[in-house]
Structures are given as C-alpha cells and as structure tokens.
Amino acid sequence: MKIPKHLGIILDGNRRFAKRLMQNPEKGHEWGYKKVKELLKWCKEFKIKELTVYAFSLENFDRPKQEFNYIMKLFKKAFNELSKEKDLDQTKISFIGRIWMFSKDIQKIMLNLVEKTKNNKPFKVNFAMAYSGRAEIIDAVKKIAEQIKYNKLDPNSIDENIINKNLYLNSNPDLIIRTSETRLSGFLLWQSAYSELIFLPNKLWPELTKQDFISCLEEYSNRNRRFGK
C-alpha cells in the first residue's frame, strides 16, 4: 500500500457527537482528544512521516466562554501528557498559527514541547492552533513586505519558494482527511493545492475507527496523482 508521507487531518464533530449522546459539548472535546491520541499511534504504525492536525481555528475563539475555558484546560492537559510520552524521543512537535493569541501559560507549555522535541525523528506532528489559512497567507505577505522594506529581498525574486519559506508550514500534505463535513474550512489553503482529499461526512471525529483510517489510506493508495501533468 502506498502511504502518504504527510497527512493532514481536520478534526470535526466533537460537539455534535456529544449532543447525539445527550452530553455537554465539553465531553465531546474530551472524546475528541482521546481519538487524537489513537491517531498518533496509527500514524506511527503505518510509518507516516508527518501529521498536521487542525486542532483550533481562529474562529474557535468565539466559542461560548464555558466551552472555550474547558478546551483551554484540555489543551494544557493534552500537551503536558504528550511531553511525558515514553516514545516522545521519536516525535518532533511544532505549532502553526497565531500562537500569541493563547494565554501565556499555554504558550509556555507549547514552546517547552517544541524545544524538548526539536531534534527528534522520524515522526513530525504539527498542531494548527489559532490557525486560519487566510491568516497564514496574510502573515506571510507581511513578512515578505518587511523583508522588501529593509532591502533584504528583491520583489522580482518572489516565487513559490519564497512564499513557502514565509508560511507557517513549509510542507505540503499528500492527503487531507476531514470528518463530518465536505469542505477544507481554510485548512492549509496554499499547501493543499495538490493534496488528495477524502471527506467522511457521515463520521464525527470521536467515532472514527482504525478501520476507517485504513480505508482512507487504501483509497489514497489507489489514486493516480498526476499533479496536473
């Protein structure tokens, strides 16, 4: 089976899953977190080299206060637990997005995790946090404009490579999977130009099974990627 080197995952459906079970939305996020832990194991098992997880969008900051506060506590718990994983020495962690929007304590946990794992291999995990594909492009344009302003970059030299270097993430996913809906919702807008897309509208994130995951990999393996050629 042909395995994607870089996999992107859009986590969606935590709240609806909780509602279906007549539970509070917070419970859905807890189940969603447990599913992410399973996902990391699946990716390692199938030797996927890089995983980018859409964990928290810019729009998510507008969630109801009680739910928002619970999610922040869950992030603290999740990243603290991740830092203590036995096989963390094989995983490099990064965070992409407007990380400065999070509280100082959460930022500290993130930065410590990045520093602790910066030389690890072979598995890389990128958590898209306070992320928006449009915001990423806007921030890249600002960085390029500043380089031009201080004569560090010739405008005529701007090409795809220059854009890539100034994005949050200079890596293109081979496959993007989304549960619950059939849209990208701003996820890796630049990087996904030639990504294979698999939507699972009838699956909410917490109920994704390992067999669902394998089926997505099999479908990807059977596709003929020609990149417009």
C-alpha atoms as a PDB file:
ATOM      1  CA  MET A   1       0.000   0.000   0.000  1.00  0.00           C
ATOM      2  CA  LYS A   2       1.274   3.481  -0.912  1.00  0.00           C
ATOM      3  CA  ILE A   3       1.352   5.533   2.286  1.00  0.00           C
ATOM      4  CA  PRO A   4       1.193   9.365   2.312  1.00  0.00           C
ATOM      5  CA  LYS A   5       4.365  10.938   3.673  1.00  0.00           C
ATOM      6  CA  HIS A   6       2.421  13.907   5.042  1.00  0.00           C
ATOM      7  CA  LEU A   7      -1.145  13.545   6.310  1.00  0.00           C
ATOM      8  CA  GLY A   8      -3.464  16.408   7.211  1.00  0.00           C
ATOM      9  CA  ILE A   9      -6.467  15.850   9.479  1.00  0.00           C
ATOM     10  CA  ILE A  10      -9.381  18.233  10.080  1.00  0.00           C
ATOM     11  CA  LEU A  11     -10.986  17.249  13.369  1.00  0.00           C
ATOM     12  CA  ASP A  12     -14.690  17.986  13.255  1.00  0.00           C
ATOM     13  CA  GLY A  13     -17.804  16.796  15.023  1.00  0.00           C
ATOM     14  CA  ASN A  14     -16.890  16.712  18.726  1.00  0.00           C
ATOM     15  CA  ARG A  15     -19.851  18.814  19.829  1.00  0.00           C
ATOM     16  CA  ARG A  16     -22.340  17.013  17.613  1.00  0.00           C
ATOM     17  CA  PHE A  17     -21.105  13.679  18.913  1.00  0.00           C
ATOM     18  CA  ALA A  18     -21.718  14.829  22.487  1.00  0.00           C
ATOM     19  CA  LYS A  19     -25.150  16.165  21.552  1.00  0.00           C
ATOM     20  CA  ARG A  20     -26.082  12.857  19.966  1.00  0.00           C
ATOM     21  CA  LEU A  21     -25.295  11.176  23.287  1.00  0.00           C
ATOM     22  CA  MET A  22     -27.114  13.945  25.186  1.00  0.00           C
ATOM     23  CA  GLN A  23     -23.886  15.088  26.860  1.00  0.00           C
ATOM     24  CA  ASN A  24     -22.341  18.551  27.320  1.00  0.00           C
ATOM     25  CA  PRO A  25     -20.136  19.819  24.434  1.00  0.00           C
ATOM     26  CA  GLU A  26     -17.136  19.614  26.763  1.00  0.00           C
ATOM     27  CA  LYS A  27     -17.493  15.843  26.885  1.00  0.00           C
ATOM     28  CA  GLY A  28     -17.268  15.711  23.095  1.00  0.00           C
ATOM     29  CA  HIS A  29     -13.930  17.539  23.132  1.00  0.00           C
ATOM     30  CA  GLU A  30     -12.620  15.071  25.710  1.00  0.00           C
ATOM     31  CA  TRP A  31     -13.548  12.155  23.457  1.00  0.00           C
ATOM     32  CA  GLY A  32     -12.001  14.008  20.531  1.00  0.00           C
ATOM     33  CA  TYR A  33      -8.733  14.345  22.451  1.00  0.00           C
ATOM     34  CA  LYS A  34      -8.670  10.612  23.159  1.00  0.00           C
ATOM     35  CA  LYS A  35      -9.157   9.963  19.450  1.00  0.00           C
ATOM     36  CA  VAL A  36      -6.165  12.180  18.618  1.00  0.00           C
ATOM     37  CA  LYS A  37      -4.032  10.001  20.917  1.00  0.00           C
ATOM     38  CA  GLU A  38      -5.179   6.965  18.917  1.00  0.00           C
ATOM     39  CA  LEU A  39      -4.453   8.793  15.653  1.00  0.00           C
ATOM     40  CA  LEU A  40      -0.833   9.403  16.666  1.00  0.00           C
ATOM     41  CA  LYS A  41      -0.400   5.664  17.272  1.00  0.00           C
ATOM     42  CA  TRP A  42      -1.972   4.790  13.918  1.00  0.00           C
ATOM     43  CA  CYS A  43       0.319   7.180  12.065  1.00  0.00           C
ATOM     44  CA  LYS A  44       3.390   5.681  13.718  1.00  0.00           C
ATOM     45  CA  GLU A  45       2.180   2.170  12.965  1.00  0.00           C
ATOM     46  CA  PHE A  46       1.844   2.979   9.252  1.00  0.00           C
ATOM     47  CA  LYS A  47       5.105   4.960   9.243  1.00  0.00           C
ATOM     48  CA  ILE A  48       3.580   8.259   8.191  1.00  0.00           C
ATOM     49  CA  LYS A  49       6.403  10.789   8.424  1.00  0.00           C
ATOM     50  CA  GLU A  50       4.417  13.961   9.098  1.00  0.00           C
ATOM     51  CA  LEU A  51       0.978  14.748  10.506  1.00  0.00           C
ATOM     52  CA  THR A  52      -0.725  18.137  10.602  1.00  0.00           C
ATOM     53  CA  VAL A  53      -3.771  18.333  12.866  1.00  0.00           C
ATOM     54  CA  TYR A  54      -6.304  21.172  12.588  1.00  0.00           C
ATOM     55  CA  ALA A  55      -6.954  21.468  16.314  1.00  0.00           C
ATOM     56  CA  PHE A  56      -8.186  25.034  16.888  1.00  0.00           C
ATOM     57  CA  SER A  57      -9.141  27.691  14.357  1.00  0.00           C
ATOM     58  CA  LEU A  58      -9.208  31.469  14.729  1.00  0.00           C
ATOM     59  CA  GLU A  59     -12.992  31.258  14.627  1.00  0.00           C
ATOM     60  CA  ASN A  60     -12.976  28.874  17.597  1.00  0.00           C
ATOM     61  CA  PHE A  61     -12.053  31.780  19.870  1.00  0.00           C
ATOM     62  CA  ASP A  62     -15.705  32.809  19.588  1.00  0.00           C
ATOM     63  CA  ARG A  63     -16.974  29.637  21.274  1.00  0.00           C
ATOM     64  CA  PRO A  64     -19.137  30.085  24.432  1.00  0.00           C
ATOM     65  CA  LYS A  65     -16.965  31.031  27.421  1.00  0.00           C
ATOM     66  CA  GLN A  66     -17.572  27.825  29.397  1.00  0.00           C
ATOM     67  CA  GLU A  67     -16.722  25.637  26.422  1.00  0.00           C
ATOM     68  CA  PHE A  68     -13.704  27.773  25.499  1.00  0.00           C
ATOM     69  CA  ASN A  69     -12.294  27.578  29.023  1.00  0.00           C
ATOM     70  CA  TYR A  70     -12.739  23.813  29.064  1.00  0.00           C
ATOM     71  CA  ILE A  71     -10.913  23.463  25.747  1.00  0.00           C
ATOM     72  CA  MET A  72      -8.006  25.524  27.093  1.00  0.00           C
ATOM     73  CA  LYS A  73      -7.759  23.249  30.146  1.00  0.00           C
ATOM     74  CA  LEU A  74      -7.866  20.253  27.828  1.00  0.00           C
ATOM     75  CA  PHE A  75      -5.004  21.671  25.745  1.00  0.00           C
ATOM     76  CA  LYS A  76      -2.902  22.092  28.892  1.00  0.00           C
ATOM     77  CA  LYS A  77      -3.637  18.522  29.929  1.00  0.00           C
ATOM     78  CA  ALA A  78      -3.006  17.141  26.448  1.00  0.00           C
ATOM     79  CA  PHE A  79       0.332  18.862  25.884  1.00  0.00           C
ATOM     80  CA  ASN A  80       1.566  18.086  29.388  1.00  0.00           C
ATOM     81  CA  GLU A  81       0.705  14.415  28.873  1.00  0.00           C
ATOM     82  CA  LEU A  82       2.327  14.444  25.442  1.00  0.00           C
ATOM     83  CA  SER A  83       5.564  15.790  26.926  1.00  0.00           C
ATOM     84  CA  LYS A  84       5.714  12.698  29.166  1.00  0.00           C
ATOM     85  CA  GLU A  85       5.092  10.079  26.458  1.00  0.00           C
ATOM     86  CA  LYS A  86       7.653   7.258  26.528  1.00  0.00           C
ATOM     87  CA  ASP A  87       8.373   7.364  22.803  1.00  0.00           C
ATOM     88  CA  LEU A  88       8.432  11.169  22.533  1.00  0.00           C
ATOM     89  CA  ASP A  89      12.101  10.949  21.524  1.00  0.00           C
ATOM     90  CA  GLN A  90      10.847   9.769  18.121  1.00  0.00           C
ATOM     91  CA  THR A  91       8.449  12.705  17.639  1.00  0.00           C
ATOM     92  CA  LYS A  92       9.117  16.328  16.733  1.00  0.00           C
ATOM     93  CA  ILE A  93       6.305  18.704  17.743  1.00  0.00           C
ATOM     94  CA  SER A  94       5.520  22.091  16.238  1.00  0.00           C
ATOM     95  CA  PHE A  95       2.637  24.554  16.428  1.00  0.00           C
ATOM     96  CA  ILE A  96       1.450  26.616  13.483  1.00  0.00           C
ATOM     97  CA  GLY A  97      -0.861  29.613  13.678  1.00  0.00           C
ATOM     98  CA  ARG A  98      -1.140  32.827  15.680  1.00  0.00           C
ATOM     99  CA  ILE A  99       0.112  31.182  18.851  1.00  0.00           C
ATOM    100  CA  TRP A 100       0.484  34.558  20.586  1.00  0.00           C
ATOM    101  CA  MET A 101      -3.316  34.663  20.936  1.00  0.00           C
ATOM    102  CA  PHE A 102      -3.246  31.968  23.623  1.00  0.00           C
ATOM    103  CA  SER A 103      -2.648  32.697  27.302  1.00  0.00           C
ATOM    104  CA  LYS A 104       0.972  32.905  28.460  1.00  0.00           C
ATOM    105  CA  ASP A 105       0.798  29.622  30.367  1.00  0.00           C
ATOM    106  CA  ILE A 106      -0.416  27.686  27.314  1.00  0.00           C
ATOM    107  CA  GLN A 107       2.204  29.359  25.132  1.00  0.00           C
ATOM    108  CA  LYS A 108       4.879  28.298  27.617  1.00  0.00           C
ATOM    109  CA  ILE A 109       3.747  24.674  27.500  1.00  0.00           C
ATOM    110  CA  MET A 110       3.796  24.768  23.686  1.00  0.00           C
ATOM    111  CA  LEU A 111       7.251  26.347  23.485  1.00  0.00           C
ATOM    112  CA  ASN A 112       8.671  23.883  26.002  1.00  0.00           C
ATOM    113  CA  LEU A 113       7.306  20.985  23.957  1.00  0.00           C
ATOM    114  CA  VAL A 114       8.795  22.420  20.752  1.00  0.00           C
ATOM    115  CA  GLU A 115      12.182  22.933  22.418  1.00  0.00           C
ATOM    116  CA  LYS A 116      12.164  19.488  24.011  1.00  0.00           C
ATOM    117  CA  THR A 117      11.478  17.706  20.704  1.00  0.00           C
ATOM    118  CA  LYS A 118      13.255  19.941  18.166  1.00  0.00           C
ATOM    119  CA  ASN A 119      15.890  17.338  17.246  1.00  0.00           C
ATOM    120  CA  ASN A 120      13.622  14.287  17.337  1.00  0.00           C
ATOM    121  CA  LYS A 121      12.804  11.985  14.408  1.00  0.00           C
ATOM    122  CA  PRO A 122      11.413  10.320  12.359  1.00  0.00           C
ATOM    123  CA  PHE A 123       7.816  11.429  13.112  1.00  0.00           C
ATOM    124  CA  LYS A 124       6.777  15.084  12.948  1.00  0.00           C
ATOM    125  CA  VAL A 125       3.471  16.437  14.289  1.00  0.00           C
ATOM    126  CA  ASN A 126       2.209  19.956  13.548  1.00  0.00           C
ATOM    127  CA  PHE A 127      -0.712  21.248  15.609  1.00  0.00           C
ATOM    128  CA  ALA A 128      -2.601  24.025  13.798  1.00  0.00           C
ATOM    129  CA  MET A 129      -3.673  26.289  16.660  1.00  0.00           C
ATOM    130  CA  ALA A 130      -5.285  29.738  16.372  1.00  0.00           C
ATOM    131  CA  TYR A 131      -4.986  28.842  12.708  1.00  0.00           C
ATOM    132  CA  SER A 132      -6.587  30.148   9.533  1.00  0.00           C
ATOM    133  CA  GLY A 133      -5.339  29.526   6.007  1.00  0.00           C
ATOM    134  CA  ARG A 134      -6.103  33.103   5.017  1.00  0.00           C
ATOM    135  CA  ALA A 135      -4.366  34.446   8.131  1.00  0.00           C
ATOM    136  CA  GLU A 136      -1.331  32.326   7.262  1.00  0.00           C
ATOM    137  CA  ILE A 137      -1.126  33.889   3.795  1.00  0.00           C
ATOM    138  CA  ILE A 138      -1.683  37.392   5.212  1.00  0.00           C
ATOM    139  CA  ASP A 139       1.101  36.890   7.761  1.00  0.00           C
ATOM    140  CA  ALA A 140       3.415  35.544   5.045  1.00  0.00           C
ATOM    141  CA  VAL A 141       2.736  38.625   2.890  1.00  0.00           C
ATOM    142  CA  LYS A 142       3.558  40.874   5.862  1.00  0.00           C
ATOM    143  CA  LYS A 143       6.857  39.067   6.449  1.00  0.00           C
ATOM    144  CA  ILE A 144       7.791  39.377   2.783  1.00  0.00           C
ATOM    145  CA  ALA A 145       6.807  43.069   2.747  1.00  0.00           C
ATOM    146  CA  GLU A 146       9.049  43.709   5.743  1.00  0.00           C
ATOM    147  CA  GLN A 147      11.988  41.992   4.026  1.00  0.00           C
ATOM    148  CA  ILE A 148      11.455  44.194   0.970  1.00  0.00           C
ATOM    149  CA  LYS A 149      11.173  47.307   3.151  1.00  0.00           C
ATOM    150  CA  TYR A 150      14.602  46.684   4.683  1.00  0.00           C
ATOM    151  CA  ASN A 151      16.179  45.709   1.337  1.00  0.00           C
ATOM    152  CA  LYS A 152      16.570  42.072   2.368  1.00  0.00           C
ATOM    153  CA  LEU A 153      14.515  40.825  -0.563  1.00  0.00           C
ATOM    154  CA  ASP A 154      14.178  41.855  -4.207  1.00  0.00           C
ATOM    155  CA  PRO A 155      10.464  41.897  -5.167  1.00  0.00           C
ATOM    156  CA  ASN A 156      11.377  40.440  -8.558  1.00  0.00           C
ATOM    157  CA  SER A 157      12.774  37.359  -6.837  1.00  0.00           C
ATOM    158  CA  ILE A 158       9.444  36.413  -5.248  1.00  0.00           C
ATOM    159  CA  ASP A 159       8.361  32.949  -6.371  1.00  0.00           C
ATOM    160  CA  GLU A 160       6.647  29.894  -4.877  1.00  0.00           C
ATOM    161  CA  ASN A 161       9.784  29.017  -2.937  1.00  0.00           C
ATOM    162  CA  ILE A 162       9.862  32.432  -1.261  1.00  0.00           C
ATOM    163  CA  ILE A 163       6.173  32.122  -0.358  1.00  0.00           C
ATOM    164  CA  ASN A 164       6.748  28.635   1.072  1.00  0.00           C
ATOM    165  CA  LYS A 165       9.594  29.842   3.287  1.00  0.00           C
ATOM    166  CA  ASN A 166       7.413  32.559   4.820  1.00  0.00           C
ATOM    167  CA  LEU A 167       4.360  30.441   5.597  1.00  0.00           C
ATOM    168  CA  TYR A 168       3.788  28.850   8.999  1.00  0.00           C
ATOM    169  CA  LEU A 169       4.325  25.450   7.378  1.00  0.00           C
ATOM    170  CA  ASN A 170       6.713  24.731   4.511  1.00  0.00           C
ATOM    171  CA  SER A 171       5.387  21.268   3.739  1.00  0.00           C
ATOM    172  CA  ASN A 172       2.548  20.011   1.536  1.00  0.00           C
ATOM    173  CA  PRO A 173       0.187  17.242   2.707  1.00  0.00           C
ATOM    174  CA  ASP A 174      -0.239  14.337   0.309  1.00  0.00           C
ATOM    175  CA  LEU A 175      -3.614  13.508   1.819  1.00  0.00           C
ATOM    176  CA  ILE A 176      -6.143  15.504   3.834  1.00  0.00           C
ATOM    177  CA  ILE A 177      -8.948  13.735   5.687  1.00  0.00           C
ATOM    178  CA  ARG A 178     -11.942  15.531   7.156  1.00  0.00           C
ATOM    179  CA  THR A 179     -14.698  14.069   9.262  1.00  0.00           C
ATOM    180  CA  SER A 180     -18.261  15.386   9.491  1.00  0.00           C
ATOM    181  CA  GLU A 181     -18.178  17.917   6.612  1.00  0.00           C
ATOM    182  CA  THR A 182     -17.108  18.218   2.962  1.00  0.00           C
ATOM    183  CA  ARG A 183     -15.001  21.372   2.935  1.00  0.00           C
ATOM    184  CA  LEU A 184     -11.493  22.457   3.958  1.00  0.00           C
ATOM    185  CA  SER A 185     -12.611  25.402   6.124  1.00  0.00           C
ATOM    186  CA  GLY A 186      -9.407  27.295   5.426  1.00  0.00           C
ATOM    187  CA  PHE A 187      -7.043  24.444   6.276  1.00  0.00           C
ATOM    188  CA  LEU A 188      -3.636  24.767   4.578  1.00  0.00           C
ATOM    189  CA  LEU A 189      -5.053  26.726   1.634  1.00  0.00           C
ATOM    190  CA  TRP A 190      -1.677  27.197  -0.055  1.00  0.00           C
ATOM    191  CA  GLN A 191      -0.183  23.825   0.811  1.00  0.00           C
ATOM    192  CA  SER A 192      -3.235  21.767  -0.225  1.00  0.00           C
ATOM    193  CA  ALA A 193      -3.138  22.764  -3.911  1.00  0.00           C
ATOM    194  CA  TYR A 194      -2.428  19.185  -4.997  1.00  0.00           C
ATOM    195  CA  SER A 195      -3.423  17.264  -1.901  1.00  0.00           C
ATOM    196  CA  GLU A 196      -5.739  14.312  -2.235  1.00  0.00           C
ATOM    197  CA  LEU A 197      -8.941  14.966  -0.284  1.00  0.00           C
ATOM    198  CA  ILE A 198     -11.104  12.415   1.495  1.00  0.00           C
ATOM    199  CA  PHE A 199     -14.275  13.578   3.236  1.00  0.00           C
ATOM    200  CA  LEU A 200     -16.170  11.427   5.709  1.00  0.00           C
ATOM    201  CA  PRO A 201     -19.439  13.371   6.162  1.00  0.00           C
ATOM    202  CA  ASN A 202     -21.135  10.511   7.964  1.00  0.00           C
ATOM    203  CA  LYS A 203     -18.408  10.164  10.590  1.00  0.00           C
ATOM    204  CA  LEU A 204     -17.939  12.507  13.540  1.00  0.00           C
ATOM    205  CA  TRP A 205     -14.348  12.800  14.747  1.00  0.00           C
ATOM    206  CA  PRO A 206     -14.677  10.896  18.062  1.00  0.00           C
ATOM    207  CA  GLU A 207     -16.235   7.896  16.291  1.00  0.00           C
ATOM    208  CA  LEU A 208     -13.509   7.465  13.656  1.00  0.00           C
ATOM    209  CA  THR A 209     -12.200   3.911  13.841  1.00  0.00           C
ATOM    210  CA  LYS A 210      -8.866   2.440  12.908  1.00  0.00           C
ATOM    211  CA  GLN A 211     -10.593   0.639  10.026  1.00  0.00           C
ATOM    212  CA  ASP A 212     -11.933   3.994   8.768  1.00  0.00           C
ATOM    213  CA  PHE A 213      -8.365   5.295   8.876  1.00  0.00           C
ATOM    214  CA  ILE A 214      -7.025   2.281   6.997  1.00  0.00           C
ATOM    215  CA  SER A 215      -9.796   2.612   4.383  1.00  0.00           C
ATOM    216  CA  CYS A 216      -8.715   6.217   3.766  1.00  0.00           C
ATOM    217  CA  LEU A 217      -5.117   5.096   3.298  1.00  0.00           C
ATOM    218  CA  GLU A 218      -6.233   2.386   0.891  1.00  0.00           C
ATOM    219  CA  GLU A 219      -8.279   4.867  -1.124  1.00  0.00           C
ATOM    220  CA  TYR A 220      -5.317   7.224  -1.291  1.00  0.00           C
ATOM    221  CA  SER A 221      -3.085   4.344  -2.387  1.00  0.00           C
ATOM    222  CA  ASN A 222      -5.432   3.565  -5.291  1.00  0.00           C
ATOM    223  CA  ARG A 223      -5.479   7.121  -6.619  1.00  0.00           C
ATOM    224  CA  ASN A 224      -3.297   8.231  -9.524  1.00  0.00           C
ATOM    225  CA  ARG A 225      -1.651  11.519  -8.572  1.00  0.00           C
ATOM    226  CA  ARG A 226      -0.610  13.381 -11.747  1.00  0.00           C
ATOM    227  CA  PHE A 227      -0.232  16.918 -10.359  1.00  0.00           C
ATOM    228  CA  GLY A 228      -1.833  18.413 -13.455  1.00  0.00           C
ATOM    229  CA  LYS A 229       0.576  16.668 -15.849  1.00  0.00           C
END
